[in-house]
Amino acid sequence: MPELPEVETVRRGLQPAMEGARIKKAEVRRKDLRFPFQKDFVARLEGQTVTGLGRRAKYLMADLSSGDVLLMHLGMSGSFRVNDDHGTTPGRFHHPRVEDRAHDHVVFHMSSGAAIVFNDPRRFGYMKIIGRHAIEEEPLLRDLGPEPLGNEFDAEMLARSCANKKTSLKAALLDQRVVAGLGNIYVCEALFRAHLSPRRLAATLATKKGETTDHARRLVEAIHDVLNQAIKAGGSSLRDHRQTTGELGYFQHSFQVYDREGEKCRSKGCGGIVRRFTQNGRSTFWCPKCQK
């Protein structure tokens, strides 16, 4: 499933075509994706101007001139493409995009002349319109933790959130209530960069007196670094992720441990071998020699 860098890459690709433009027509070509579309979904979109396009965790959020917010989630295989008046997709292709238009489920025709097309073969994505006044109480959003690239997310906050947890450090970081938007790939990569074991107890980010440890500081710095680098690279292309231009992301070429089982550790002077084990139902990649 796309993680924060992939969703942020999509947001930046859609922003020029959507922000400031009016939705002249909205096409919904089936009754549902992961969830049914609201009965008034099209009516609440048509004629509205997109005043801003943001992101919260793994959600895209389009602010509308009506005061509503269009919430969009890519699911496992969802992607957007931007077509101009001639039906082309801007940008070059690293690999050919699947040409099956049967999975083009939603189309937004913008006043700018662009058509924003949502394609989702597995239909795990979803869209929902929420009143801006009710956003804080929206069940999909209200329990989300801080943004890992936001100003309020720091070592002290992470240490406080993990102080009394009896779970592993990796499980804590995947908990969207602790920090929003992180997923399996970037948690593995951040833990490696911080030289912390995924099996380490989350509570060790704070002392028994509740003070922030150096582990927490290293980890937050690693999270910042890996997310910023991944966004700059256009995200990671594993199976389905593509940017709105159709290009694949490139951060997978910078993986230090993820999907590198049996290969040599890239830490200078380590000499260890990257291992994989199943943790909380997901593959964890790490170097047992330098991650403690």
Protein backbone atom coordinates (compact mmCIF):
# COMPACT_ATOMS: atom_id res chain seq x y z
CA MET A 1 0.00 0.00 0.00
CA PRO A 2 1.37 3.46 -0.84
CA GLU A 3 2.95 5.21 2.13
CA LEU A 4 3.42 8.88 2.93
CA PRO A 5 6.10 9.64 0.28
CA GLU A 6 4.06 8.03 -2.50
CA VAL A 7 0.90 9.93 -1.51
CA GLU A 8 2.81 13.20 -1.21
CA THR A 9 4.29 12.63 -4.67
CA VAL A 10 0.79 12.14 -6.09
CA ARG A 11 -0.42 15.30 -4.32
CA ARG A 12 2.34 17.37 -5.87
CA GLY A 13 1.56 15.93 -9.28
CA LEU A 14 -2.15 16.74 -9.02
CA GLN A 15 -1.76 20.18 -7.46
CA PRO A 16 -1.10 22.21 -10.66
CA ALA A 17 -4.08 20.65 -12.43
CA MET A 18 -6.57 20.83 -9.54
CA GLU A 19 -5.85 23.82 -7.31
CA GLY A 20 -7.78 26.90 -8.40
CA ALA A 21 -9.77 24.97 -11.00
CA ARG A 22 -13.49 24.24 -10.95
CA ILE A 23 -14.91 20.73 -11.25
CA LYS A 24 -17.11 21.13 -14.32
CA LYS A 25 -18.21 17.51 -14.34
CA ALA A 26 -17.63 14.48 -12.12
CA GLU A 27 -18.03 10.97 -13.54
CA VAL A 28 -18.49 7.99 -11.23
CA ARG A 29 -18.52 4.86 -13.34
CA ARG A 30 -19.49 2.34 -10.65
CA LYS A 31 -21.47 2.40 -7.42
CA ASP A 32 -18.54 1.69 -5.16
CA LEU A 33 -14.82 1.24 -4.70
CA ARG A 34 -13.82 -0.13 -1.32
CA PHE A 35 -16.93 1.58 0.07
CA PRO A 36 -20.09 2.77 -1.72
CA PHE A 37 -20.03 6.34 -3.02
CA GLN A 38 -22.32 8.74 -1.17
CA LYS A 39 -25.63 9.29 -2.94
CA ASP A 40 -24.92 13.00 -3.33
CA PHE A 41 -21.23 12.52 -4.21
CA VAL A 42 -21.43 13.96 -7.72
CA ALA A 43 -23.83 16.76 -6.79
CA ARG A 44 -21.52 18.01 -4.03
CA LEU A 45 -18.55 18.12 -6.40
CA GLU A 46 -19.85 19.60 -9.63
CA GLY A 47 -19.47 23.36 -9.87
CA GLN A 48 -17.08 23.56 -6.92
CA THR A 49 -13.60 25.07 -7.10
CA VAL A 50 -10.68 23.21 -5.53
CA THR A 51 -9.23 25.87 -3.24
CA GLY A 52 -6.41 23.69 -1.90
CA LEU A 53 -5.01 20.18 -2.18
CA GLY A 54 -3.41 18.79 0.97
CA ARG A 55 -2.42 15.51 2.56
CA ARG A 56 -3.10 13.99 5.97
CA ALA A 57 -1.18 10.78 6.61
CA LYS A 58 -1.97 8.61 3.56
CA TYR A 59 -5.06 10.62 2.56
CA LEU A 60 -5.36 13.28 -0.13
CA MET A 61 -7.67 16.13 0.89
CA ALA A 62 -9.16 18.56 -1.64
CA ASP A 63 -10.73 21.65 -0.07
CA LEU A 64 -13.79 22.80 -2.03
CA SER A 65 -15.29 26.27 -2.30
CA SER A 66 -18.52 24.93 -0.76
CA GLY A 67 -16.78 24.24 2.55
CA ASP A 68 -16.65 20.51 1.89
CA VAL A 69 -13.50 18.40 1.73
CA LEU A 70 -13.00 15.56 -0.76
CA LEU A 71 -11.08 12.80 1.03
CA MET A 72 -9.25 10.35 -1.26
CA HIS A 73 -7.29 7.20 -0.47
CA LEU A 74 -5.26 5.28 -3.08
CA GLY A 75 -5.75 1.87 -1.50
CA MET A 76 -3.42 -0.84 -2.81
CA SER A 77 -3.49 -0.18 -6.55
CA GLY A 78 -5.13 3.21 -7.05
CA SER A 79 -3.43 5.86 -9.17
CA PHE A 80 -4.29 9.17 -10.78
CA ARG A 81 -3.33 10.43 -14.19
CA VAL A 82 -3.73 13.92 -15.59
CA ASN A 83 -5.01 14.13 -19.16
CA ASP A 84 -5.08 17.39 -21.10
CA ASP A 85 -7.58 18.39 -23.80
CA HIS A 86 -5.93 15.99 -26.24
CA GLY A 87 -6.20 12.98 -23.98
CA THR A 88 -2.48 12.69 -23.30
CA THR A 89 -0.66 12.12 -20.05
CA PRO A 90 2.20 14.55 -19.41
CA GLY A 91 5.65 13.28 -18.51
CA ARG A 92 7.75 10.43 -19.80
CA PHE A 93 7.20 6.78 -18.84
CA HIS A 94 9.85 4.70 -17.15
CA HIS A 95 7.75 1.63 -17.96
CA PRO A 96 4.51 1.56 -19.99
CA ARG A 97 1.40 2.14 -17.90
CA VAL A 98 -1.26 -0.57 -18.10
CA GLU A 99 -3.63 0.51 -20.85
CA ASP A 100 -6.74 -1.08 -19.34
CA ARG A 101 -9.23 1.79 -19.12
CA ALA A 102 -11.85 -0.58 -17.68
CA HIS A 103 -10.45 0.37 -14.28
CA ASP A 104 -10.91 4.13 -14.79
CA HIS A 105 -13.58 4.49 -12.12
CA VAL A 106 -13.71 8.24 -11.40
CA VAL A 107 -13.02 11.21 -13.67
CA PHE A 108 -12.96 14.89 -12.68
CA HIS A 109 -13.28 17.26 -15.65
CA MET A 110 -11.66 20.52 -14.59
CA SER A 111 -12.25 24.05 -15.87
CA SER A 112 -8.55 24.16 -16.75
CA GLY A 113 -9.22 21.63 -19.49
CA ALA A 114 -7.53 18.80 -17.63
CA ALA A 115 -9.23 15.52 -16.79
CA ILE A 116 -8.17 13.89 -13.53
CA VAL A 117 -8.67 10.12 -13.83
CA PHE A 118 -8.63 7.68 -10.92
CA ASN A 119 -7.74 4.13 -11.97
CA ASP A 120 -7.94 1.30 -9.43
CA PRO A 121 -7.84 -2.35 -10.60
CA ARG A 122 -8.25 -3.85 -7.11
CA ARG A 123 -10.77 -1.24 -5.93
CA PHE A 124 -9.33 -0.86 -2.43
CA GLY A 125 -9.20 2.91 -2.81
CA TYR A 126 -12.05 5.14 -1.71
CA MET A 127 -13.41 8.66 -1.78
CA LYS A 128 -15.65 10.49 0.66
CA ILE A 129 -16.93 14.06 0.99
CA ILE A 130 -16.83 15.56 4.48
CA GLY A 131 -17.90 18.96 5.75
CA ARG A 132 -14.83 20.97 6.81
CA HIS A 133 -16.57 21.75 10.12
CA ALA A 134 -16.80 18.00 10.85
CA ILE A 135 -13.27 17.06 9.87
CA GLU A 136 -12.00 16.68 13.44
CA GLU A 137 -14.72 14.14 14.19
CA GLU A 138 -14.34 12.14 10.98
CA PRO A 139 -13.74 8.48 12.01
CA LEU A 140 -11.11 8.00 9.29
CA LEU A 141 -9.02 10.92 10.60
CA ARG A 142 -9.74 11.64 14.27
CA ASP A 143 -7.39 9.04 15.78
CA LEU A 144 -4.41 9.81 13.57
CA GLY A 145 -1.18 10.80 15.29
CA PRO A 146 1.09 13.69 14.32
CA GLU A 147 2.57 14.11 10.85
CA PRO A 148 6.16 12.81 10.89
CA LEU A 149 7.33 15.84 8.89
CA GLY A 150 5.26 18.31 10.90
CA ASN A 151 6.68 20.77 13.40
CA GLU A 152 5.12 19.08 16.43
CA PHE A 153 6.68 15.69 15.77
CA ASP A 154 10.00 15.49 17.60
CA ALA A 155 11.97 13.13 19.83
CA GLU A 156 10.20 14.28 22.99
CA MET A 157 6.75 13.67 21.52
CA LEU A 158 7.71 10.22 20.21
CA ALA A 159 9.28 9.26 23.54
CA ARG A 160 6.14 10.30 25.42
CA SER A 161 3.93 8.31 23.05
CA CYS A 162 6.03 5.16 23.49
CA ALA A 163 6.95 5.50 27.18
CA ASN A 164 4.51 2.91 28.52
CA LYS A 165 4.11 0.69 25.49
CA LYS A 166 4.89 -3.01 25.85
CA THR A 167 5.07 -3.57 22.11
CA SER A 168 8.04 -3.61 19.75
CA LEU A 169 9.48 -0.42 18.33
CA LYS A 170 8.47 -1.37 14.81
CA ALA A 171 4.87 -2.09 15.84
CA ALA A 172 4.69 1.27 17.61
CA LEU A 173 5.87 3.15 14.53
CA LEU A 174 3.30 1.38 12.36
CA ASP A 175 0.54 2.43 14.75
CA GLN A 176 -1.10 5.38 13.00
CA ARG A 177 -2.13 6.77 16.39
CA VAL A 178 1.53 7.19 17.33
CA VAL A 179 2.68 8.75 14.06
CA ALA A 180 0.64 9.11 10.89
CA GLY A 181 1.63 7.96 7.42
CA LEU A 182 4.50 5.57 8.11
CA GLY A 183 4.34 2.08 6.64
CA ASN A 184 6.43 -1.06 6.48
CA ILE A 185 9.02 0.14 3.97
CA TYR A 186 9.98 3.41 5.62
CA VAL A 187 9.84 2.04 9.16
CA CYS A 188 12.36 -0.66 8.18
CA GLU A 189 14.57 1.95 6.51
CA ALA A 190 14.37 4.45 9.39
CA LEU A 191 15.18 1.84 12.02
CA PHE A 192 18.22 0.78 10.02
CA ARG A 193 19.48 4.34 9.72
CA ALA A 194 19.01 4.85 13.45
CA HIS A 195 20.80 1.52 14.15
CA LEU A 196 17.85 0.34 16.25
CA SER A 197 16.45 -3.17 16.25
CA PRO A 198 12.82 -3.59 15.12
CA ARG A 199 12.48 -5.99 18.07
CA ARG A 200 13.56 -3.36 20.61
CA LEU A 201 10.85 -2.39 23.10
CA ALA A 202 9.17 0.89 22.15
CA ALA A 203 9.33 1.98 25.80
CA THR A 204 13.14 2.25 25.57
CA LEU A 205 12.73 5.57 23.75
CA ALA A 206 12.22 7.05 27.23
CA THR A 207 13.97 6.45 30.54
CA LYS A 208 12.10 5.16 33.59
CA LYS A 209 11.82 8.79 34.66
CA GLY A 210 10.19 9.66 31.34
CA GLU A 211 13.19 11.46 29.89
CA THR A 212 13.90 11.29 26.15
CA THR A 213 16.72 8.94 25.19
CA ASP A 214 19.29 9.31 22.44
CA HIS A 215 17.55 6.41 20.69
CA ALA A 216 14.48 8.61 20.19
CA ARG A 217 16.54 11.49 18.83
CA ARG A 218 18.36 9.26 16.36
CA LEU A 219 15.11 7.67 15.26
CA VAL A 220 13.26 10.95 14.61
CA GLU A 221 16.23 12.24 12.62
CA ALA A 222 16.25 9.01 10.59
CA ILE A 223 12.49 9.24 9.94
CA HIS A 224 12.88 12.81 8.69
CA ASP A 225 15.80 11.90 6.45
CA VAL A 226 14.29 8.82 4.86
CA LEU A 227 10.90 10.46 4.17
CA ASN A 228 12.42 13.60 2.68
CA GLN A 229 14.74 11.57 0.45
CA ALA A 230 11.90 9.30 -0.66
CA ILE A 231 9.67 12.26 -1.55
CA LYS A 232 12.51 13.85 -3.52
CA ALA A 233 12.95 10.56 -5.41
CA GLY A 234 9.24 10.35 -6.24
CA GLY A 235 8.48 7.55 -3.80
CA SER A 236 9.22 3.83 -4.13
CA SER A 237 7.90 1.72 -6.99
CA LEU A 238 6.89 -1.70 -5.72
CA ARG A 239 4.27 -3.37 -7.90
CA ASP A 240 1.72 -0.63 -8.50
CA HIS A 241 2.98 2.80 -7.44
CA ARG A 242 3.36 5.36 -10.20
CA GLN A 243 3.50 9.11 -10.12
CA THR A 244 0.73 11.09 -11.84
CA THR A 245 3.07 11.47 -14.85
CA GLY A 246 3.14 7.71 -15.26
CA GLU A 247 6.76 7.53 -14.12
CA LEU A 248 7.88 5.08 -11.49
CA GLY A 249 9.41 6.38 -8.29
CA TYR A 250 13.10 5.77 -7.75
CA PHE A 251 13.67 5.49 -4.00
CA GLN A 252 13.68 1.69 -4.18
CA HIS A 253 17.21 2.02 -5.60
CA SER A 254 18.25 3.60 -2.29
CA PHE A 255 16.90 0.88 0.00
CA GLN A 256 19.43 -0.02 2.68
CA VAL A 257 17.62 -3.09 4.06
CA TYR A 258 14.12 -3.39 2.62
CA ASP A 259 13.82 -6.31 0.19
CA ARG A 260 17.59 -7.01 0.51
CA GLU A 261 17.47 -10.31 2.40
CA GLY A 262 20.79 -12.18 2.21
CA GLU A 263 22.76 -9.19 0.94
CA LYS A 264 25.61 -7.46 2.74
CA CYS A 265 24.80 -4.64 5.15
CA ARG A 266 25.62 -1.23 3.69
CA SER A 267 26.75 0.29 7.00
CA LYS A 268 30.42 1.16 6.77
CA GLY A 269 32.56 -1.45 8.52
CA CYS A 270 29.60 -3.62 9.58
CA GLY A 271 30.03 -6.75 7.46
CA GLY A 272 26.65 -8.12 8.56
CA ILE A 273 23.99 -9.76 6.39
CA VAL A 274 20.48 -8.37 5.96
CA ARG A 275 17.88 -10.75 7.40
CA ARG A 276 14.11 -11.00 7.09
CA PHE A 277 11.56 -12.21 9.60
CA THR A 278 7.80 -11.91 9.97
CA GLN A 279 6.67 -9.38 12.54
CA ASN A 280 3.02 -8.51 13.15
CA GLY A 281 2.15 -10.27 9.90
CA ARG A 282 4.64 -8.27 7.79
CA SER A 283 8.14 -8.84 6.51
CA THR A 284 10.79 -7.04 8.54
CA PHE A 285 14.22 -6.47 7.03
CA TRP A 286 17.16 -5.62 9.29
CA CYS A 287 20.83 -6.14 10.03
CA PRO A 288 21.16 -8.04 13.34
CA LYS A 289 24.80 -6.97 13.64
CA CYS A 290 24.43 -3.18 13.64
CA GLN A 291 20.79 -2.73 14.71
CA LYS A 292 20.56 -3.17 18.50
